[in-house]
Amino acid sequence: MPLSGRLTPEEDSRLDRLAARTGRSKTFYVRQAIKLHLAELEEQYWADEAIRDWEASGRTSRPASELWGESGV
């Protein structure tokens, strides 16, 4: 599926140099970057949402050390 985006001149230049040095396309490296970081971004935003939900619920949190102590860790 086609996707468009804008790179800074520096990003574009770095991508050009990498593609020229390796003989691969710029598209290849953009897709690689997305594959490598998409799961990380999804997890980060899931965690942010979980924190917002927790805070909105009115439940009180405790330090992790207390929870670990209770669980025997």
Protein backbone atom coordinates (compact mmCIF):
# COMPACT_ATOMS: atom_id res chain seq x y z
CA MET A 1 0.00 0.00 0.00
CA PRO A 2 1.49 3.38 -0.92
CA LEU A 3 2.43 5.78 1.85
CA SER A 4 3.97 9.21 1.64
CA GLY A 5 5.89 11.21 4.17
CA ARG A 6 8.44 13.97 4.42
CA LEU A 7 12.00 13.56 5.58
CA THR A 8 14.34 16.28 6.67
CA PRO A 9 17.16 17.00 4.23
CA GLU A 10 19.58 15.33 6.67
CA GLU A 11 17.43 12.18 6.95
CA ASP A 12 17.08 11.99 3.19
CA SER A 13 20.82 12.42 2.71
CA ARG A 14 21.61 9.69 5.24
CA LEU A 15 19.11 7.38 3.58
CA ASP A 16 20.60 8.13 0.15
CA ARG A 17 24.12 7.34 1.40
CA LEU A 18 23.01 4.09 3.04
CA ALA A 19 21.14 2.96 -0.06
CA ALA A 20 24.08 3.82 -2.34
CA ARG A 21 26.59 2.10 -0.05
CA THR A 22 24.58 -1.12 0.18
CA GLY A 23 22.89 -1.30 -3.20
CA ARG A 24 19.45 -1.47 -1.62
CA SER A 25 16.58 0.93 -2.16
CA LYS A 26 15.60 3.72 0.18
CA THR A 27 12.17 2.09 0.38
CA PHE A 28 13.81 -1.09 1.70
CA TYR A 29 15.37 0.82 4.58
CA VAL A 30 12.23 2.78 5.39
CA ARG A 31 10.31 -0.51 5.60
CA GLN A 32 13.05 -2.02 7.78
CA ALA A 33 12.88 0.95 10.15
CA ILE A 34 9.11 0.60 10.42
CA LYS A 35 9.35 -3.14 11.10
CA LEU A 36 11.99 -2.64 13.77
CA HIS A 37 10.21 0.12 15.66
CA LEU A 38 6.49 -0.39 15.14
CA ALA A 39 6.14 -2.99 17.92
CA GLU A 40 8.06 -0.69 20.28
CA LEU A 41 5.74 2.22 19.50
CA GLU A 42 2.62 0.07 19.89
CA GLU A 43 3.82 -1.11 23.31
CA GLN A 44 4.64 2.43 24.41
CA TYR A 45 1.19 3.74 23.49
CA TRP A 46 -0.50 0.70 25.07
CA ALA A 47 1.38 1.41 28.32
CA ASP A 48 0.41 5.09 28.21
CA GLU A 49 -3.24 4.12 27.77
CA ALA A 50 -3.05 1.60 30.62
CA ILE A 51 -1.64 4.29 32.92
CA ARG A 52 -4.38 6.76 31.93
CA ASP A 53 -7.03 4.10 32.58
CA TRP A 54 -5.52 3.28 35.98
CA GLU A 55 -5.37 6.92 37.01
CA ALA A 56 -8.94 7.56 35.81
CA SER A 57 -10.22 4.59 37.84
CA GLY A 58 -9.33 6.28 41.13
CA ARG A 59 -7.39 3.25 42.34
CA THR A 60 -4.31 3.95 44.42
CA SER A 61 -0.94 2.77 43.33
CA ARG A 62 1.89 1.57 45.53
CA PRO A 63 5.62 1.39 44.99
CA ALA A 64 6.69 -1.68 43.08
CA SER A 65 9.01 -2.67 45.95
CA GLU A 66 5.92 -3.18 48.17
CA LEU A 67 4.26 -5.37 45.56
CA TRP A 68 7.43 -7.39 45.05
CA GLY A 69 7.74 -7.85 48.81
CA GLU A 70 4.23 -9.23 48.99
CA SER A 71 4.85 -11.62 46.13
CA GLY A 72 8.12 -12.93 47.62
CA VAL A 73 10.26 -11.56 44.82
